[in-house]
């Protein structure tokens, strides 16, 4: 299934978080908001519409979609950010590990 197909069958008001993912559980945020807005996002989502969905889940009311990065077998720090040094702490890098996304989902659910 592609991201386009996934967004096409999802209700327009559903909250969605979209990430590009790789084999190392590194996830680059692409979009957070309503599906209706994701369908119209020409800056981030548009170029990923034909990407294969690697994983999706919806267990806190937010649909999390992870699409396959074109360099799935490479670490993000090696192919996007090769000239920069990234720390191990969450606030020192632009991507999230899958466990950090789960933490964010739990926090979001407890704040609702």
N, C-alpha and C. Protein backbone atom coordinates (compact mmCIF):
# COMPACT_ATOMS: atom_id res chain seq x y z
N UNK A 1 0.84 -1.17 0.00
CA UNK A 1 0.00 0.00 0.00
C UNK A 1 0.89 1.25 0.00
N UNK A 2 0.51 2.24 -0.77
CA UNK A 2 1.26 3.50 -0.80
C UNK A 2 0.65 4.50 0.18
N UNK A 3 1.38 5.55 0.46
CA UNK A 3 0.86 6.60 1.33
C UNK A 3 -0.40 7.21 0.73
N UNK A 4 -0.41 7.40 -0.59
CA UNK A 4 -1.60 7.94 -1.26
C UNK A 4 -2.82 7.06 -0.99
N UNK A 5 -2.66 5.76 -1.17
CA UNK A 5 -3.78 4.84 -0.93
C UNK A 5 -4.23 4.88 0.53
N UNK A 6 -3.29 4.98 1.43
CA UNK A 6 -3.61 5.03 2.86
C UNK A 6 -4.40 6.29 3.20
N UNK A 7 -3.94 7.44 2.71
CA UNK A 7 -4.64 8.69 3.00
C UNK A 7 -5.99 8.74 2.30
N UNK A 8 -6.10 8.07 1.17
CA UNK A 8 -7.35 8.07 0.41
C UNK A 8 -8.47 7.36 1.15
N UNK A 9 -8.16 6.32 1.92
CA UNK A 9 -9.19 5.55 2.62
C UNK A 9 -9.35 5.96 4.08
N UNK A 10 -8.61 6.97 4.52
CA UNK A 10 -8.67 7.43 5.90
C UNK A 10 -9.60 8.64 5.99
N UNK A 11 -10.39 8.71 7.05
CA UNK A 11 -11.31 9.82 7.24
C UNK A 11 -10.56 11.14 7.30
N UNK A 12 -11.12 12.17 6.69
CA UNK A 12 -10.43 13.45 6.56
C UNK A 12 -10.11 14.12 7.88
N UNK A 13 -10.89 13.85 8.93
CA UNK A 13 -10.65 14.51 10.22
C UNK A 13 -9.72 13.70 11.14
N UNK A 14 -9.32 12.51 10.73
CA UNK A 14 -8.41 11.68 11.52
C UNK A 14 -7.07 12.39 11.72
N UNK A 15 -6.57 12.38 12.94
CA UNK A 15 -5.25 12.92 13.21
C UNK A 15 -4.21 11.92 12.75
N UNK A 16 -3.18 12.40 12.06
CA UNK A 16 -2.17 11.51 11.49
C UNK A 16 -0.78 12.09 11.72
N UNK A 17 0.16 11.21 12.02
CA UNK A 17 1.57 11.55 12.08
C UNK A 17 2.25 10.71 11.02
N UNK A 18 3.00 11.33 10.13
CA UNK A 18 3.65 10.61 9.04
C UNK A 18 5.16 10.76 9.18
N UNK A 19 5.86 9.65 9.05
CA UNK A 19 7.31 9.62 9.16
C UNK A 19 7.90 8.82 8.00
N UNK A 20 9.11 9.19 7.59
CA UNK A 20 9.87 8.28 6.73
C UNK A 20 10.71 7.45 7.68
N UNK A 21 10.83 6.16 7.40
CA UNK A 21 11.50 5.26 8.33
C UNK A 21 12.57 4.44 7.61
N UNK A 22 13.45 3.88 8.41
CA UNK A 22 14.49 3.02 7.86
C UNK A 22 14.62 1.74 8.69
N UNK A 23 15.54 0.90 8.32
CA UNK A 23 15.72 -0.40 8.97
C UNK A 23 16.25 -0.28 10.40
N UNK A 24 16.69 0.91 10.80
CA UNK A 24 17.28 1.11 12.13
C UNK A 24 16.31 1.76 13.11
N UNK A 25 15.04 1.85 12.72
CA UNK A 25 14.05 2.45 13.61
C UNK A 25 14.19 3.95 13.75
N UNK A 26 14.86 4.59 12.80
CA UNK A 26 15.00 6.04 12.79
C UNK A 26 13.88 6.61 11.92
N UNK A 27 13.18 7.59 12.44
CA UNK A 27 12.00 8.12 11.76
C UNK A 27 12.08 9.63 11.64
N UNK A 28 12.10 10.10 10.40
CA UNK A 28 12.14 11.53 10.13
C UNK A 28 10.70 12.04 10.02
N UNK A 29 10.30 12.99 10.86
CA UNK A 29 8.94 13.52 10.78
C UNK A 29 8.67 14.20 9.44
N UNK A 30 7.54 13.87 8.85
CA UNK A 30 7.11 14.50 7.61
C UNK A 30 5.88 15.37 7.82
N UNK A 31 4.97 14.92 8.71
CA UNK A 31 3.71 15.66 8.88
C UNK A 31 3.03 15.25 10.18
N UNK A 32 2.39 16.22 10.83
CA UNK A 32 1.50 15.98 11.97
C UNK A 32 0.29 16.88 11.79
N UNK A 33 -0.90 16.29 11.86
CA UNK A 33 -2.13 17.06 11.72
C UNK A 33 -3.25 16.18 11.20
N UNK A 34 -4.27 16.82 10.65
CA UNK A 34 -5.43 16.11 10.12
C UNK A 34 -5.13 15.55 8.73
N UNK A 35 -5.75 14.42 8.41
CA UNK A 35 -5.56 13.80 7.10
C UNK A 35 -5.92 14.77 5.98
N UNK A 36 -6.97 15.55 6.18
CA UNK A 36 -7.37 16.53 5.17
C UNK A 36 -6.22 17.48 4.84
N UNK A 37 -5.50 17.92 5.85
CA UNK A 37 -4.36 18.81 5.64
C UNK A 37 -3.18 18.07 5.01
N UNK A 38 -2.99 16.81 5.39
CA UNK A 38 -1.91 16.01 4.80
C UNK A 38 -2.13 15.83 3.31
N UNK A 39 -3.38 15.65 2.90
CA UNK A 39 -3.69 15.48 1.48
C UNK A 39 -3.35 16.73 0.67
N UNK A 40 -3.32 17.87 1.34
CA UNK A 40 -3.06 19.13 0.65
C UNK A 40 -1.64 19.66 0.87
N UNK A 41 -0.84 18.96 1.64
CA UNK A 41 0.51 19.42 1.97
C UNK A 41 1.46 19.16 0.80
N UNK A 42 1.75 20.22 0.05
CA UNK A 42 2.61 20.07 -1.13
C UNK A 42 4.09 20.22 -0.79
N UNK A 43 4.41 20.63 0.43
CA UNK A 43 5.81 20.80 0.81
C UNK A 43 6.46 19.50 1.29
N UNK A 44 5.76 18.73 2.12
CA UNK A 44 6.37 17.53 2.70
C UNK A 44 5.71 16.23 2.23
N UNK A 45 4.41 16.16 2.28
CA UNK A 45 3.72 14.91 2.00
C UNK A 45 3.67 14.59 0.52
N UNK A 46 3.53 15.59 -0.31
CA UNK A 46 3.34 15.40 -1.75
C UNK A 46 4.36 14.46 -2.37
N UNK A 47 5.64 14.66 -2.08
CA UNK A 47 6.68 13.85 -2.70
C UNK A 47 6.75 12.43 -2.14
N UNK A 48 6.00 12.14 -1.09
CA UNK A 48 6.00 10.81 -0.48
C UNK A 48 4.73 10.03 -0.80
N UNK A 49 3.82 10.59 -1.58
CA UNK A 49 2.53 9.94 -1.83
C UNK A 49 2.66 8.55 -2.44
N UNK A 50 3.65 8.32 -3.27
CA UNK A 50 3.81 7.01 -3.90
C UNK A 50 4.76 6.09 -3.14
N UNK A 51 5.22 6.53 -1.98
CA UNK A 51 6.11 5.70 -1.16
C UNK A 51 5.31 4.57 -0.51
N UNK A 52 5.96 3.44 -0.37
CA UNK A 52 5.34 2.27 0.24
C UNK A 52 5.21 2.48 1.75
N UNK A 53 4.05 2.14 2.29
CA UNK A 53 3.84 2.20 3.73
C UNK A 53 4.51 0.98 4.35
N UNK A 54 5.43 1.23 5.26
CA UNK A 54 6.15 0.16 5.95
C UNK A 54 5.35 -0.33 7.15
N UNK A 55 4.71 0.60 7.83
CA UNK A 55 4.03 0.27 9.09
C UNK A 55 2.99 1.34 9.38
N UNK A 56 1.87 0.93 9.95
CA UNK A 56 0.91 1.91 10.45
C UNK A 56 0.23 1.33 11.68
N UNK A 57 -0.20 2.22 12.55
CA UNK A 57 -0.91 1.82 13.76
C UNK A 57 -1.77 2.96 14.24
N UNK A 58 -2.82 2.61 14.95
CA UNK A 58 -3.72 3.61 15.52
C UNK A 58 -4.26 3.05 16.82
N UNK A 59 -3.58 3.36 17.91
CA UNK A 59 -4.07 2.83 19.19
C UNK A 59 -4.23 3.91 20.25
N UNK A 60 -4.02 5.15 19.92
CA UNK A 60 -4.28 6.24 20.87
C UNK A 60 -5.16 7.31 20.22
N UNK A 61 -5.79 6.96 19.11
CA UNK A 61 -6.61 7.92 18.39
C UNK A 61 -5.84 8.67 17.32
N UNK A 62 -4.54 8.48 17.27
CA UNK A 62 -3.69 9.10 16.25
C UNK A 62 -3.16 8.00 15.34
N UNK A 63 -3.35 8.18 14.05
CA UNK A 63 -2.84 7.24 13.07
C UNK A 63 -1.39 7.58 12.79
N UNK A 64 -0.50 6.63 13.03
CA UNK A 64 0.92 6.81 12.76
C UNK A 64 1.24 5.99 11.51
N UNK A 65 1.77 6.68 10.50
CA UNK A 65 2.14 6.02 9.25
C UNK A 65 3.63 6.21 9.04
N UNK A 66 4.31 5.11 8.75
CA UNK A 66 5.74 5.16 8.46
C UNK A 66 5.94 4.68 7.03
N UNK A 67 6.52 5.53 6.19
CA UNK A 67 6.78 5.16 4.80
C UNK A 67 8.25 4.81 4.64
N UNK A 68 8.52 3.95 3.69
CA UNK A 68 9.87 3.45 3.46
C UNK A 68 10.73 4.54 2.83
N UNK A 69 11.85 4.81 3.48
CA UNK A 69 12.83 5.75 2.96
C UNK A 69 13.49 5.11 1.75
N UNK A 70 13.84 5.91 0.75
CA UNK A 70 14.47 5.37 -0.45
C UNK A 70 15.83 4.72 -0.16
N UNK A 71 16.44 5.10 0.94
CA UNK A 71 17.69 4.48 1.38
C UNK A 71 17.44 3.76 2.70
N UNK A 72 16.53 2.84 2.65
CA UNK A 72 16.03 2.13 3.82
C UNK A 72 17.13 1.47 4.65
N UNK A 73 18.15 0.96 4.00
CA UNK A 73 19.21 0.23 4.69
C UNK A 73 20.30 1.12 5.27
N UNK A 74 20.22 2.43 5.08
CA UNK A 74 21.24 3.35 5.60
C UNK A 74 20.72 4.10 6.82
N UNK A 75 21.62 4.39 7.72
CA UNK A 75 21.26 5.22 8.87
C UNK A 75 21.05 6.66 8.40
N UNK A 76 20.14 7.37 9.03
CA UNK A 76 19.86 8.74 8.63
C UNK A 76 21.08 9.64 8.75
N UNK A 77 21.86 9.46 9.80
CA UNK A 77 23.03 10.33 9.96
C UNK A 77 24.06 10.10 8.86
N UNK A 78 24.00 8.98 8.18
CA UNK A 78 24.95 8.69 7.10
C UNK A 78 24.53 9.26 5.76
N UNK A 79 23.23 9.36 5.51
CA UNK A 79 22.87 9.79 4.17
C UNK A 79 22.22 11.17 4.10
N UNK A 80 21.54 11.61 5.10
CA UNK A 80 20.99 12.96 5.07
C UNK A 80 21.93 13.99 5.69
N UNK A 81 22.60 13.57 6.69
CA UNK A 81 23.31 14.52 7.53
C UNK A 81 24.79 14.18 7.67
N UNK A 82 25.40 13.72 6.62
CA UNK A 82 26.76 13.20 6.71
C UNK A 82 27.78 14.25 7.15
N UNK A 83 27.52 15.52 6.91
CA UNK A 83 28.50 16.54 7.26
C UNK A 83 28.34 17.06 8.69
N UNK A 84 27.28 16.64 9.36
CA UNK A 84 27.03 17.15 10.70
C UNK A 84 27.17 16.04 11.73
N UNK A 85 27.53 16.43 12.93
CA UNK A 85 27.64 15.47 14.03
C UNK A 85 26.38 15.60 14.88
N UNK A 86 25.75 14.46 15.14
CA UNK A 86 24.51 14.47 15.91
C UNK A 86 24.72 13.76 17.22
N UNK A 87 24.14 14.32 18.26
CA UNK A 87 24.24 13.72 19.59
C UNK A 87 23.28 12.55 19.75
N UNK A 88 23.38 11.92 20.89
CA UNK A 88 22.53 10.77 21.17
C UNK A 88 21.20 11.19 21.78
N UNK A 89 21.16 12.39 22.32
CA UNK A 89 19.93 12.85 22.97
C UNK A 89 18.91 13.29 21.92
N UNK A 90 17.66 13.13 22.26
CA UNK A 90 16.56 13.43 21.35
C UNK A 90 16.59 14.87 20.82
N UNK A 91 16.89 15.80 21.69
CA UNK A 91 16.89 17.21 21.28
C UNK A 91 18.13 17.61 20.47
N UNK A 92 19.05 16.67 20.25
CA UNK A 92 20.28 16.95 19.50
C UNK A 92 20.24 16.40 18.07
N UNK A 93 19.08 15.87 17.65
CA UNK A 93 18.96 15.31 16.30
C UNK A 93 17.54 15.53 15.77
N UNK A 94 17.36 15.57 14.45
CA UNK A 94 16.05 15.86 13.88
C UNK A 94 15.12 14.65 13.77
N UNK A 95 15.61 13.43 13.91
CA UNK A 95 14.76 12.26 13.77
C UNK A 95 14.41 11.70 15.13
N UNK A 96 13.42 10.80 15.14
CA UNK A 96 12.99 10.12 16.35
C UNK A 96 13.16 8.63 16.18
N UNK A 97 13.49 7.96 17.26
CA UNK A 97 13.46 6.51 17.25
C UNK A 97 12.02 6.07 17.52
N UNK A 98 11.69 4.87 17.11
CA UNK A 98 10.31 4.38 17.24
C UNK A 98 9.81 4.44 18.68
N UNK A 99 10.66 4.14 19.63
CA UNK A 99 10.25 4.18 21.04
C UNK A 99 9.91 5.62 21.47
N UNK A 100 10.57 6.61 20.87
CA UNK A 100 10.27 8.01 21.19
C UNK A 100 8.92 8.42 20.63
N UNK A 101 8.57 7.88 19.47
CA UNK A 101 7.23 8.15 18.91
C UNK A 101 6.18 7.56 19.84
N UNK A 102 6.43 6.35 20.34
CA UNK A 102 5.49 5.74 21.28
C UNK A 102 5.35 6.56 22.55
N UNK A 103 6.44 7.12 23.05
CA UNK A 103 6.39 8.01 24.21
C UNK A 103 5.53 9.24 23.91
N UNK A 104 5.72 9.82 22.73
CA UNK A 104 4.92 10.99 22.34
C UNK A 104 3.44 10.64 22.26
N UNK A 105 3.12 9.47 21.74
CA UNK A 105 1.73 9.03 21.66
C UNK A 105 1.12 8.88 23.05
N UNK A 106 1.87 8.29 23.97
CA UNK A 106 1.38 8.14 25.35
C UNK A 106 1.16 9.51 26.00
N UNK A 107 2.10 10.43 25.78
CA UNK A 107 1.96 11.78 26.33
C UNK A 107 0.75 12.50 25.75
N UNK A 108 0.56 12.34 24.46
CA UNK A 108 -0.57 12.97 23.78
C UNK A 108 -1.90 12.42 24.32
N UNK A 109 -1.95 11.11 24.53
CA UNK A 109 -3.17 10.47 25.05
C UNK A 109 -3.45 10.91 26.49
N UNK A 110 -2.41 11.07 27.29
CA UNK A 110 -2.62 11.48 28.69
C UNK A 110 -3.00 12.94 28.79
N UNK A 111 -2.64 13.75 27.81
CA UNK A 111 -3.00 15.17 27.81
C UNK A 111 -4.37 15.45 27.22
N UNK A 112 -4.95 14.44 26.58
CA UNK A 112 -6.26 14.63 25.93
C UNK A 112 -7.39 14.56 26.92
